């Protein structure tokens, strides 16, 4: 049985080949209204001003949906992010994403359809209960394991149109690639800035997100397993400085090694 980490890695690497759209969802924040170091930028028509003393004027948070395979991001800023805010945003964004996908092919074979759903549940410690009548599976949604993401109302709503939530294990935040895009956009939006209140912070986030949408870039999976395989390939023995190599590396006799030590 695969582990939750392996299951999510399979979703990233195999989901598209199986006709599934794989998205990541995450929340970021709270972010304080304080000066941020870095190279400064200013919106057009709004010149830089001297920062005022730091005042606690609220915080800003983010809700993010990312499609890692080709890079599109859906982002909005809020001043608070309780369950009712998150659960109100997802039913607005996810149907819009499903409308952009190719129509799902209806399957008359209930066993085949159920096996496809269960394939992406193997290894999960939290397994949503599947209904008797299942729709075609259309999307895998990678979520963290916050209690609010496991409520019965949200899970049932996700399963109805064919969306299966995959929950990251404890300590597995790096399995959500939405974390990566949030760090990229945060650096672009806030370096050298000093937001006096949450409103400009949210506007900067959304501005850089719109800029990212013009030229989205895929976030290729490079988890621990990928890095381990890369290191294994690097252990190949190159022959004579040419493009040829041997795998495994050539064995050297103790006599040859001793002769070189004597030199």
Protein backbone atom coordinates (compact mmCIF):
# COMPACT_ATOMS: atom_id res chain seq x y z
CA UNK A 1 0.00 0.00 0.00
CA UNK A 2 1.54 3.38 -0.97
CA UNK A 3 2.14 6.03 1.66
CA UNK A 4 0.26 9.37 1.53
CA UNK A 5 3.46 11.04 0.28
CA UNK A 6 3.81 8.53 -2.57
CA UNK A 7 0.12 8.92 -3.40
CA UNK A 8 0.42 12.68 -3.77
CA UNK A 9 3.62 12.29 -5.80
CA UNK A 10 1.71 9.93 -8.13
CA UNK A 11 -1.03 12.53 -8.44
CA UNK A 12 1.50 15.12 -9.62
CA UNK A 13 3.30 12.81 -12.02
CA UNK A 14 0.49 10.54 -13.27
CA UNK A 15 -2.68 12.57 -12.81
CA UNK A 16 -2.52 14.33 -16.19
CA UNK A 17 -1.80 11.09 -18.06
CA UNK A 18 -4.95 9.59 -16.51
CA UNK A 19 -7.06 12.55 -17.61
CA UNK A 20 -7.30 14.16 -14.15
CA UNK A 21 -6.79 17.82 -13.33
CA UNK A 22 -4.59 18.15 -10.23
CA UNK A 23 -4.89 21.34 -8.17
CA UNK A 24 -3.41 22.45 -4.84
CA UNK A 25 -5.19 24.61 -2.30
CA UNK A 26 -3.60 26.53 0.56
CA UNK A 27 -3.99 29.54 2.83
CA UNK A 28 -1.16 31.90 3.75
CA UNK A 29 -0.89 34.45 6.54
CA UNK A 30 -1.44 36.36 8.66
CA UNK A 31 0.96 39.01 7.31
CA UNK A 32 1.62 42.08 9.44
CA UNK A 33 1.59 45.69 8.28
CA UNK A 34 5.33 46.30 8.72
CA UNK A 35 8.26 47.21 6.44
CA UNK A 36 9.64 44.33 4.36
CA UNK A 37 13.28 44.29 3.23
CA UNK A 38 14.27 44.06 -0.41
CA UNK A 39 14.32 46.01 -3.65
CA UNK A 40 11.42 48.44 -3.71
CA UNK A 41 8.79 48.81 -6.42
CA UNK A 42 5.76 51.08 -6.70
CA UNK A 43 2.50 50.87 -8.66
CA UNK A 44 2.32 53.28 -11.59
CA UNK A 45 1.26 56.74 -10.48
CA UNK A 46 1.94 56.04 -6.79
CA UNK A 47 5.45 57.26 -5.88
CA UNK A 48 7.29 55.95 -2.86
CA UNK A 49 6.78 57.68 0.47
CA UNK A 50 8.69 57.62 3.72
CA UNK A 51 7.38 54.85 6.01
CA UNK A 52 5.53 55.80 9.16
CA UNK A 53 6.14 54.14 12.53
CA UNK A 54 4.83 50.59 12.66
CA UNK A 55 1.20 50.41 13.77
CA UNK A 56 -0.91 47.30 14.15
CA UNK A 57 -3.61 47.97 11.60
CA UNK A 58 -4.72 44.41 10.95
CA UNK A 59 -3.34 41.52 8.92
CA UNK A 60 -3.82 40.10 5.43
CA UNK A 61 -4.26 36.48 4.42
CA UNK A 62 -4.37 34.62 1.13
CA UNK A 63 -6.44 31.87 -0.43
CA UNK A 64 -4.70 30.15 -3.30
CA UNK A 65 -5.49 27.50 -5.90
CA UNK A 66 -2.65 26.32 -8.15
CA UNK A 67 -2.53 23.98 -11.15
CA UNK A 68 1.13 22.86 -11.00
CA UNK A 69 1.20 21.11 -14.37
CA UNK A 70 1.13 24.38 -16.32
CA UNK A 71 1.20 27.09 -13.62
CA UNK A 72 -2.22 28.88 -13.58
CA UNK A 73 -3.04 30.33 -10.17
CA UNK A 74 -6.25 31.62 -8.64
CA UNK A 75 -5.64 33.92 -5.71
CA UNK A 76 -7.61 36.31 -3.56
CA UNK A 77 -6.72 38.25 -0.42
CA UNK A 78 -8.80 38.52 2.75
CA UNK A 79 -8.39 39.96 6.22
CA UNK A 80 -9.64 36.79 7.94
CA UNK A 81 -9.73 33.17 6.82
CA UNK A 82 -12.05 31.06 9.01
CA UNK A 83 -13.76 27.95 7.69
CA UNK A 84 -16.83 29.82 6.46
CA UNK A 85 -14.63 32.09 4.32
CA UNK A 86 -12.63 29.20 2.81
CA UNK A 87 -15.73 27.08 2.25
CA UNK A 88 -17.47 29.98 0.58
CA UNK A 89 -14.57 30.60 -1.82
CA UNK A 90 -13.95 27.02 -2.97
CA UNK A 91 -17.54 26.44 -4.23
CA UNK A 92 -17.13 29.62 -6.24
CA UNK A 93 -13.74 28.80 -7.80
CA UNK A 94 -13.81 25.02 -8.29
CA UNK A 95 -16.95 24.90 -10.50
CA UNK A 96 -15.37 27.58 -12.70
CA UNK A 97 -12.29 25.36 -13.05
CA UNK A 98 -14.39 22.29 -13.86
CA UNK A 99 -16.15 24.26 -16.61
CA UNK A 100 -12.80 24.72 -18.35
CA UNK A 101 -12.07 20.97 -18.40
CA UNK A 102 -13.09 18.56 -21.11
CA UNK A 103 -16.48 16.92 -20.49
CA UNK A 104 -16.20 13.76 -18.43
CA UNK A 105 -17.02 10.49 -20.13
CA UNK A 106 -19.90 8.72 -18.42
CA UNK A 107 -19.02 5.15 -17.43
CA UNK A 108 -21.69 2.46 -17.19
CA UNK A 109 -19.32 0.12 -15.35
CA UNK A 110 -19.79 0.95 -11.68
CA UNK A 111 -16.94 -1.35 -10.57
CA UNK A 112 -14.43 0.32 -12.89
CA UNK A 113 -15.56 3.77 -11.76
CA UNK A 114 -15.33 2.79 -8.09
CA UNK A 115 -11.85 1.30 -8.58
CA UNK A 116 -10.62 4.59 -10.05
CA UNK A 117 -11.81 6.50 -6.99
CA UNK A 118 -10.39 3.93 -4.58
CA UNK A 119 -7.00 3.92 -6.37
CA UNK A 120 -6.41 7.47 -5.10
CA UNK A 121 -7.47 6.60 -1.56
CA UNK A 122 -4.94 3.84 -0.94
CA UNK A 123 -2.48 4.87 1.74
CA UNK A 124 -4.52 7.82 3.02
CA UNK A 125 -5.06 7.92 6.77
CA UNK A 126 -8.20 10.02 6.22
CA UNK A 127 -10.45 8.38 3.62
CA UNK A 128 -13.72 10.09 2.64
CA UNK A 129 -16.61 7.65 2.56
CA UNK A 130 -17.60 7.08 -1.06
CA UNK A 131 -21.24 6.95 -2.17
CA UNK A 132 -22.85 4.05 -3.96
CA UNK A 133 -23.39 6.10 -7.12
CA UNK A 134 -20.17 7.90 -8.03
CA UNK A 135 -19.69 10.54 -10.73
CA UNK A 136 -16.69 10.36 -13.10
CA UNK A 137 -13.51 11.41 -11.27
CA UNK A 138 -12.37 14.70 -12.77
CA UNK A 139 -10.06 16.43 -10.30
CA UNK A 140 -7.62 15.68 -7.47
CA UNK A 141 -7.39 18.49 -4.90
CA UNK A 142 -4.34 18.46 -2.60
CA UNK A 143 -5.24 19.99 0.79
CA UNK A 144 -3.55 20.24 4.16
CA UNK A 145 -5.04 18.33 7.08
CA UNK A 146 -6.76 21.22 8.85
CA UNK A 147 -9.94 20.14 10.60
CA UNK A 148 -11.95 22.60 8.51
CA UNK A 149 -10.99 20.77 5.32
CA UNK A 150 -12.45 17.50 6.63
CA UNK A 151 -15.95 18.64 7.50
CA UNK A 152 -18.72 16.44 6.15
CA UNK A 153 -20.40 19.31 4.31
CA UNK A 154 -17.23 20.27 2.39
CA UNK A 155 -16.20 16.68 1.59
CA UNK A 156 -19.68 15.78 0.30
CA UNK A 157 -19.76 18.91 -1.83
CA UNK A 158 -16.35 18.03 -3.34
CA UNK A 159 -17.34 14.45 -4.14
CA UNK A 160 -20.59 15.40 -5.89
CA UNK A 161 -19.01 16.96 -9.04
CA UNK A 162 -16.12 14.45 -9.10
CA UNK A 163 -13.42 16.13 -6.97
CA UNK A 164 -11.41 13.89 -4.63
CA UNK A 165 -9.49 15.60 -1.77
CA UNK A 166 -6.00 14.28 -1.01
CA UNK A 167 -4.83 15.32 2.47
CA UNK A 168 -1.14 15.82 3.15
CA UNK A 169 0.23 13.95 6.20
CA UNK A 170 1.42 15.75 9.33
CA UNK A 171 4.67 17.55 8.58
CA UNK A 172 4.08 17.17 4.84
CA UNK A 173 3.48 20.85 4.00
CA UNK A 174 6.08 20.61 1.22
CA UNK A 175 3.76 18.26 -0.67
CA UNK A 176 1.50 21.22 -1.50
CA UNK A 177 3.06 23.13 -4.36
CA UNK A 178 0.70 26.00 -3.61
CA UNK A 179 3.24 26.81 -0.86
CA UNK A 180 5.84 27.41 -3.59
CA UNK A 181 3.75 29.87 -5.59
CA UNK A 182 2.81 31.76 -2.43
CA UNK A 183 6.49 32.25 -1.56
CA UNK A 184 7.26 33.41 -5.11
CA UNK A 185 4.41 35.92 -5.20
CA UNK A 186 5.06 37.11 -1.65
CA UNK A 187 8.65 37.98 -2.55
CA UNK A 188 7.56 39.82 -5.69
CA UNK A 189 4.76 41.73 -3.97
CA UNK A 190 6.28 42.78 -0.65
CA UNK A 191 10.02 43.25 -1.08
CA UNK A 192 10.84 46.82 -0.11
CA UNK A 193 7.22 47.69 0.71
CA UNK A 194 5.63 49.05 3.87
CA UNK A 195 1.86 48.47 3.88
CA UNK A 196 0.05 50.77 6.28
CA UNK A 197 -3.05 48.57 6.34
CA UNK A 198 -4.15 45.25 4.80
CA UNK A 199 -5.80 46.84 1.73
CA UNK A 200 -2.60 47.65 -0.22
CA UNK A 201 -1.11 44.30 0.80
CA UNK A 202 -4.03 42.46 -0.78
CA UNK A 203 -3.90 44.68 -3.88
CA UNK A 204 -0.16 43.95 -4.35
CA UNK A 205 -0.74 40.21 -4.01
CA UNK A 206 -3.50 40.25 -6.61
CA UNK A 207 -1.45 42.49 -8.94
CA UNK A 208 1.54 40.14 -9.03
CA UNK A 209 -0.81 37.17 -9.41
CA UNK A 210 -2.33 38.79 -12.51
CA UNK A 211 1.18 39.36 -13.85
CA UNK A 212 2.01 35.68 -13.22
CA UNK A 213 -1.10 34.61 -15.15
CA UNK A 214 0.21 36.31 -18.29
CA UNK A 215 3.21 33.99 -18.39
CA UNK A 216 2.51 31.04 -16.05
CA UNK A 217 5.29 28.52 -15.52
CA UNK A 218 4.83 24.88 -14.55
CA UNK A 219 6.06 23.82 -11.13
CA UNK A 220 7.65 20.46 -11.89
CA UNK A 221 7.57 17.91 -9.10
CA UNK A 222 10.97 17.43 -7.50
CA UNK A 223 10.27 15.65 -4.25
CA UNK A 224 12.69 13.59 -2.17
CA UNK A 225 12.26 10.55 -4.38
CA UNK A 226 13.14 12.56 -7.48
CA UNK A 227 16.24 14.04 -5.84
CA UNK A 228 17.33 10.55 -4.71
CA UNK A 229 17.02 9.21 -8.25
CA UNK A 230 18.97 12.20 -9.58
CA UNK A 231 21.79 11.51 -7.12
CA UNK A 232 21.81 7.88 -8.21
CA UNK A 233 22.21 8.89 -11.85
CA UNK A 234 25.07 11.18 -10.90
CA UNK A 235 26.95 8.20 -9.44
CA UNK A 236 27.46 6.83 -12.93
CA UNK A 237 31.13 6.54 -13.92
CA UNK A 238 32.12 8.69 -16.88
CA UNK A 239 34.64 7.08 -19.22
CA UNK A 240 37.67 9.04 -20.30
CA UNK A 241 35.93 12.42 -20.24
CA UNK A 242 33.70 11.43 -23.17
CA UNK A 243 29.91 11.31 -23.32
CA UNK A 244 29.98 7.58 -22.50
CA UNK A 245 29.57 6.22 -18.99
CA UNK A 246 29.32 2.92 -17.19
CA UNK A 247 26.75 1.99 -14.60
CA UNK A 248 27.61 0.79 -12.05
CA UNK A 249 30.98 2.45 -11.69
CA UNK A 250 34.07 0.53 -12.79
CA UNK A 251 35.66 -1.56 -10.06
CA UNK A 252 39.29 -0.79 -9.34
CA UNK A 253 41.62 -3.43 -7.98
CA UNK A 254 43.50 -2.91 -4.70
CA UNK A 255 46.77 -3.25 -6.61
CA UNK A 256 45.96 -0.27 -8.86
CA UNK A 257 44.89 1.75 -5.83
CA UNK A 258 48.11 0.86 -3.99
CA UNK A 259 50.27 1.82 -6.97
CA UNK A 260 48.67 5.25 -7.10
CA UNK A 261 49.16 5.73 -3.37
CA UNK A 262 52.82 4.86 -3.76
CA UNK A 263 53.23 7.50 -6.41
